Amino acid sequence: MNRLLILFSLFVSATSSAGVWEEREILKRYVTQLDALNSTLLEDAELAADKGARIQFDYDSLGADANNISLKIKHYLESPMSNFSPEVSLNHENNGENHVTN
């Protein structure tokens, strides 16, 4: 959890008067960090969870939400003038292997 807070605080240090290029660089860094957190800390937390506990955290939903955030930011960085379509983005990112239903 401490690693998550440290990584997130690096992102938050941006100023409110960021220009277009600075915004893009910050968003790229955010996506990189989010993807890294999803593939490390989130998986570690899920593996460490007590599978026999009465109340379970929904790691699948959290992972899907984080992935959706990452896809939307990547879409904005690649084509900011077009509408976001999860199916097109997922097909582009994963060579058509995954499908999203919202």
N, C-alpha and C. Protein backbone atom coordinates (compact mmCIF):
# COMPACT_ATOMS: atom_id res chain seq x y z
N MET A 1 0.82 -1.19 0.00
CA MET A 1 0.00 0.00 0.00
C MET A 1 0.86 1.26 0.00
N ASN A 2 2.00 1.21 0.71
CA ASN A 2 2.88 2.37 0.74
C ASN A 2 3.46 2.66 -0.64
N ARG A 3 3.79 1.60 -1.39
CA ARG A 3 4.32 1.80 -2.73
C ARG A 3 3.28 2.48 -3.61
N LEU A 4 2.02 2.12 -3.43
CA LEU A 4 0.94 2.72 -4.20
C LEU A 4 0.84 4.21 -3.89
N LEU A 5 0.90 4.57 -2.63
CA LEU A 5 0.80 5.97 -2.25
C LEU A 5 1.98 6.79 -2.75
N ILE A 6 3.16 6.22 -2.71
CA ILE A 6 4.34 6.91 -3.19
C ILE A 6 4.24 7.15 -4.69
N LEU A 7 3.87 6.12 -5.44
CA LEU A 7 3.76 6.27 -6.89
C LEU A 7 2.67 7.26 -7.27
N PHE A 8 1.56 7.21 -6.55
CA PHE A 8 0.46 8.13 -6.85
C PHE A 8 0.85 9.56 -6.51
N SER A 9 1.58 9.78 -5.42
CA SER A 9 1.98 11.13 -5.04
C SER A 9 2.91 11.75 -6.08
N LEU A 10 3.69 10.94 -6.79
CA LEU A 10 4.54 11.47 -7.86
C LEU A 10 3.69 12.08 -8.97
N PHE A 11 2.57 11.47 -9.25
CA PHE A 11 1.69 11.98 -10.29
C PHE A 11 1.01 13.27 -9.85
N VAL A 12 0.61 13.37 -8.60
CA VAL A 12 -0.17 14.49 -8.10
C VAL A 12 0.65 15.78 -8.04
N SER A 13 1.95 15.69 -8.13
CA SER A 13 2.81 16.86 -7.99
C SER A 13 2.76 17.82 -9.18
N ALA A 14 1.98 17.53 -10.18
CA ALA A 14 1.89 18.39 -11.36
C ALA A 14 1.18 19.70 -11.03
N THR A 15 1.55 20.76 -11.70
CA THR A 15 0.93 22.05 -11.46
C THR A 15 -0.38 22.16 -12.21
N SER A 16 -1.23 23.10 -11.75
CA SER A 16 -2.54 23.27 -12.38
C SER A 16 -2.46 24.02 -13.70
N SER A 17 -1.32 24.65 -13.99
CA SER A 17 -1.19 25.41 -15.23
C SER A 17 -0.42 24.63 -16.30
N ALA A 18 -0.60 23.33 -16.31
CA ALA A 18 0.12 22.48 -17.27
C ALA A 18 -0.34 22.77 -18.69
N GLY A 19 0.61 22.88 -19.59
CA GLY A 19 0.30 23.08 -20.99
C GLY A 19 -0.12 21.77 -21.63
N VAL A 20 -0.46 21.82 -22.88
CA VAL A 20 -0.93 20.63 -23.59
C VAL A 20 0.12 19.52 -23.59
N TRP A 21 1.37 19.87 -23.88
CA TRP A 21 2.41 18.84 -23.93
C TRP A 21 2.73 18.31 -22.55
N GLU A 22 2.72 19.21 -21.58
CA GLU A 22 2.97 18.77 -20.21
C GLU A 22 1.85 17.84 -19.74
N GLU A 23 0.61 18.18 -20.10
CA GLU A 23 -0.53 17.33 -19.76
C GLU A 23 -0.35 15.94 -20.35
N ARG A 24 0.03 15.88 -21.62
CA ARG A 24 0.21 14.59 -22.29
C ARG A 24 1.30 13.76 -21.61
N GLU A 25 2.40 14.39 -21.26
CA GLU A 25 3.49 13.67 -20.60
C GLU A 25 3.05 13.15 -19.23
N ILE A 26 2.30 13.96 -18.51
CA ILE A 26 1.82 13.53 -17.20
C ILE A 26 0.84 12.37 -17.34
N LEU A 27 -0.06 12.45 -18.32
CA LEU A 27 -1.01 11.36 -18.54
C LEU A 27 -0.29 10.08 -18.97
N LYS A 28 0.73 10.20 -19.81
CA LYS A 28 1.52 9.03 -20.20
C LYS A 28 2.17 8.40 -18.97
N ARG A 29 2.71 9.23 -18.11
CA ARG A 29 3.35 8.73 -16.89
C ARG A 29 2.32 8.07 -15.97
N TYR A 30 1.15 8.69 -15.87
CA TYR A 30 0.08 8.13 -15.04
C TYR A 30 -0.33 6.74 -15.54
N VAL A 31 -0.52 6.60 -16.85
CA VAL A 31 -0.92 5.31 -17.42
C VAL A 31 0.17 4.26 -17.18
N THR A 32 1.42 4.65 -17.36
CA THR A 32 2.52 3.73 -17.11
C THR A 32 2.51 3.25 -15.67
N GLN A 33 2.32 4.18 -14.74
CA GLN A 33 2.30 3.82 -13.33
C GLN A 33 1.07 2.99 -12.98
N LEU A 34 -0.08 3.34 -13.54
CA LEU A 34 -1.31 2.58 -13.28
C LEU A 34 -1.17 1.16 -13.79
N ASP A 35 -0.65 1.00 -14.99
CA ASP A 35 -0.45 -0.34 -15.54
C ASP A 35 0.52 -1.15 -14.69
N ALA A 36 1.58 -0.49 -14.21
CA ALA A 36 2.55 -1.18 -13.36
C ALA A 36 1.92 -1.60 -12.03
N LEU A 37 1.12 -0.72 -11.46
CA LEU A 37 0.44 -1.06 -10.20
C LEU A 37 -0.52 -2.22 -10.38
N ASN A 38 -1.23 -2.23 -11.49
CA ASN A 38 -2.18 -3.31 -11.75
C ASN A 38 -1.48 -4.65 -11.90
N SER A 39 -0.30 -4.64 -12.51
CA SER A 39 0.39 -5.90 -12.74
C SER A 39 1.25 -6.34 -11.57
N THR A 40 1.39 -5.50 -10.56
CA THR A 40 2.22 -5.88 -9.41
C THR A 40 1.40 -5.86 -8.12
N LEU A 41 1.12 -4.67 -7.63
CA LEU A 41 0.47 -4.55 -6.33
C LEU A 41 -0.94 -5.14 -6.30
N LEU A 42 -1.70 -4.91 -7.33
CA LEU A 42 -3.07 -5.44 -7.36
C LEU A 42 -3.05 -6.97 -7.36
N GLU A 43 -2.17 -7.55 -8.15
CA GLU A 43 -2.05 -9.01 -8.18
C GLU A 43 -1.52 -9.53 -6.84
N ASP A 44 -0.56 -8.81 -6.24
CA ASP A 44 -0.03 -9.22 -4.93
C ASP A 44 -1.13 -9.20 -3.87
N ALA A 45 -1.94 -8.15 -3.89
CA ALA A 45 -3.03 -8.04 -2.91
C ALA A 45 -4.04 -9.17 -3.09
N GLU A 46 -4.36 -9.49 -4.33
CA GLU A 46 -5.32 -10.56 -4.59
C GLU A 46 -4.77 -11.91 -4.12
N LEU A 47 -3.49 -12.15 -4.36
CA LEU A 47 -2.88 -13.41 -3.92
C LEU A 47 -2.80 -13.50 -2.40
N ALA A 48 -2.65 -12.35 -1.73
CA ALA A 48 -2.53 -12.33 -0.28
C ALA A 48 -3.89 -12.38 0.42
N ALA A 49 -4.97 -12.18 -0.33
CA ALA A 49 -6.31 -12.14 0.28
C ALA A 49 -6.68 -13.50 0.86
N ASP A 50 -7.44 -13.46 1.94
CA ASP A 50 -7.93 -14.66 2.59
C ASP A 50 -9.12 -15.19 1.77
N LYS A 51 -8.89 -16.26 1.06
CA LYS A 51 -9.94 -16.82 0.19
C LYS A 51 -11.12 -17.38 0.97
N GLY A 52 -10.91 -17.65 2.25
CA GLY A 52 -11.99 -18.19 3.07
C GLY A 52 -12.76 -17.13 3.85
N ALA A 53 -12.39 -15.88 3.68
CA ALA A 53 -13.07 -14.80 4.42
C ALA A 53 -14.52 -14.68 3.96
N ARG A 54 -15.36 -14.25 4.89
CA ARG A 54 -16.78 -14.11 4.59
C ARG A 54 -17.02 -12.99 3.57
N ILE A 55 -16.27 -11.93 3.67
CA ILE A 55 -16.39 -10.81 2.75
C ILE A 55 -15.15 -10.76 1.88
N GLN A 56 -15.36 -10.75 0.57
CA GLN A 56 -14.26 -10.75 -0.39
C GLN A 56 -14.26 -9.44 -1.19
N PHE A 57 -13.09 -8.90 -1.41
CA PHE A 57 -12.95 -7.74 -2.28
C PHE A 57 -13.04 -8.20 -3.73
N ASP A 58 -13.69 -7.42 -4.57
CA ASP A 58 -13.88 -7.77 -5.97
C ASP A 58 -12.70 -7.28 -6.81
N TYR A 59 -11.62 -8.06 -6.83
CA TYR A 59 -10.41 -7.68 -7.56
C TYR A 59 -10.63 -7.68 -9.06
N ASP A 60 -11.50 -8.54 -9.55
CA ASP A 60 -11.78 -8.56 -10.99
C ASP A 60 -12.40 -7.24 -11.44
N SER A 61 -13.34 -6.72 -10.65
CA SER A 61 -13.97 -5.44 -11.00
C SER A 61 -12.98 -4.29 -10.91
N LEU A 62 -12.16 -4.29 -9.87
CA LEU A 62 -11.16 -3.25 -9.72
C LEU A 62 -10.18 -3.27 -10.90
N GLY A 63 -9.73 -4.46 -11.27
CA GLY A 63 -8.82 -4.58 -12.41
C GLY A 63 -9.47 -4.11 -13.70
N ALA A 64 -10.74 -4.45 -13.89
CA ALA A 64 -11.46 -4.02 -15.10
C ALA A 64 -11.62 -2.50 -15.12
N ASP A 65 -11.95 -1.92 -13.96
CA ASP A 65 -12.10 -0.46 -13.88
C ASP A 65 -10.77 0.24 -14.16
N ALA A 66 -9.70 -0.25 -13.55
CA ALA A 66 -8.38 0.35 -13.76
C ALA A 66 -7.96 0.21 -15.23
N ASN A 67 -8.25 -0.94 -15.82
CA ASN A 67 -7.93 -1.15 -17.23
C ASN A 67 -8.73 -0.19 -18.12
N ASN A 68 -9.99 0.03 -17.77
CA ASN A 68 -10.83 0.94 -18.53
C ASN A 68 -10.29 2.37 -18.45
N ILE A 69 -9.85 2.78 -17.26
CA ILE A 69 -9.26 4.11 -17.10
C ILE A 69 -8.02 4.23 -17.99
N SER A 70 -7.18 3.22 -17.95
CA SER A 70 -5.97 3.22 -18.76
C SER A 70 -6.30 3.30 -20.25
N LEU A 71 -7.27 2.52 -20.70
CA LEU A 71 -7.67 2.53 -22.12
C LEU A 71 -8.21 3.89 -22.54
N LYS A 72 -9.00 4.53 -21.67
CA LYS A 72 -9.57 5.84 -22.01
C LYS A 72 -8.48 6.89 -22.12
N ILE A 73 -7.52 6.86 -21.23
CA ILE A 73 -6.43 7.83 -21.30
C ILE A 73 -5.59 7.58 -22.55
N LYS A 74 -5.28 6.32 -22.83
CA LYS A 74 -4.51 6.00 -24.04
C LYS A 74 -5.25 6.46 -25.30
N HIS A 75 -6.57 6.27 -25.31
CA HIS A 75 -7.37 6.72 -26.45
C HIS A 75 -7.29 8.24 -26.59
N TYR A 76 -7.41 8.94 -25.48
CA TYR A 76 -7.33 10.41 -25.51
C TYR A 76 -5.97 10.86 -26.04
N LEU A 77 -4.91 10.18 -25.64
CA LEU A 77 -3.58 10.56 -26.09
C LEU A 77 -3.37 10.27 -27.57
N GLU A 78 -3.98 9.21 -28.08
CA GLU A 78 -3.80 8.82 -29.47
C GLU A 78 -4.74 9.55 -30.43
N SER A 79 -5.98 9.75 -30.02
CA SER A 79 -6.97 10.41 -30.90
C SER A 79 -7.99 11.17 -30.06
N PRO A 80 -7.60 12.35 -29.57
CA PRO A 80 -8.46 13.10 -28.65
C PRO A 80 -9.75 13.62 -29.26
N MET A 81 -9.84 13.69 -30.57
CA MET A 81 -11.05 14.24 -31.19
C MET A 81 -12.12 13.20 -31.44
N SER A 82 -11.81 11.92 -31.31
CA SER A 82 -12.80 10.89 -31.59
C SER A 82 -13.41 10.36 -30.29
N ASN A 83 -14.62 9.85 -30.40
CA ASN A 83 -15.30 9.28 -29.24
C ASN A 83 -14.66 7.97 -28.82
N PHE A 84 -14.69 7.70 -27.53
CA PHE A 84 -14.13 6.47 -26.99
C PHE A 84 -15.09 5.32 -27.21
N SER A 85 -14.58 4.22 -27.75
CA SER A 85 -15.36 3.00 -27.92
C SER A 85 -14.56 1.86 -27.29
N PRO A 86 -15.05 1.28 -26.18
CA PRO A 86 -14.27 0.23 -25.51
C PRO A 86 -13.95 -0.95 -26.42
N GLU A 87 -14.87 -1.33 -27.28
CA GLU A 87 -14.63 -2.47 -28.15
C GLU A 87 -13.47 -2.20 -29.11
N VAL A 88 -13.46 -1.02 -29.72
CA VAL A 88 -12.41 -0.66 -30.66
C VAL A 88 -11.08 -0.55 -29.93
N SER A 89 -11.08 0.08 -28.76
CA SER A 89 -9.84 0.24 -28.00
C SER A 89 -9.28 -1.09 -27.56
N LEU A 90 -10.14 -1.97 -27.08
CA LEU A 90 -9.66 -3.28 -26.65
C LEU A 90 -9.14 -4.09 -27.82
N ASN A 91 -9.83 -4.03 -28.94
CA ASN A 91 -9.36 -4.76 -30.11
C ASN A 91 -8.01 -4.22 -30.58
N HIS A 92 -7.85 -2.90 -30.50
CA HIS A 92 -6.59 -2.29 -30.91
C HIS A 92 -5.47 -2.66 -29.94
N GLU A 93 -5.75 -2.63 -28.64
CA GLU A 93 -4.75 -2.91 -27.61
C GLU A 93 -4.38 -4.39 -27.56
N ASN A 94 -5.35 -5.29 -27.71
CA ASN A 94 -5.12 -6.71 -27.47
C ASN A 94 -5.29 -7.57 -28.71
N ASN A 95 -5.20 -6.98 -29.87
CA ASN A 95 -5.32 -7.71 -31.13
C ASN A 95 -6.63 -8.48 -31.24
N GLY A 96 -7.71 -7.88 -30.70
CA GLY A 96 -9.04 -8.47 -30.86
C GLY A 96 -9.33 -9.63 -29.94
N GLU A 97 -8.52 -9.87 -28.91
CA GLU A 97 -8.72 -11.04 -28.06
C GLU A 97 -9.77 -10.84 -26.97
N ASN A 98 -9.99 -9.59 -26.55
CA ASN A 98 -10.94 -9.32 -25.46
C ASN A 98 -12.12 -8.51 -25.97
N HIS A 99 -13.24 -8.65 -25.26
CA HIS A 99 -14.43 -7.88 -25.59
C HIS A 99 -15.00 -7.31 -24.31
N VAL A 100 -15.50 -6.07 -24.40
CA VAL A 100 -16.09 -5.41 -23.23
C VAL A 100 -17.56 -5.27 -23.48
N THR A 101 -18.35 -5.54 -22.47
CA THR A 101 -19.79 -5.29 -22.55
C THR A 101 -20.16 -4.36 -21.43
N ASN A 102 -20.69 -3.21 -21.80
CA ASN A 102 -21.11 -2.21 -20.80
C ASN A 102 -22.58 -1.97 -20.89
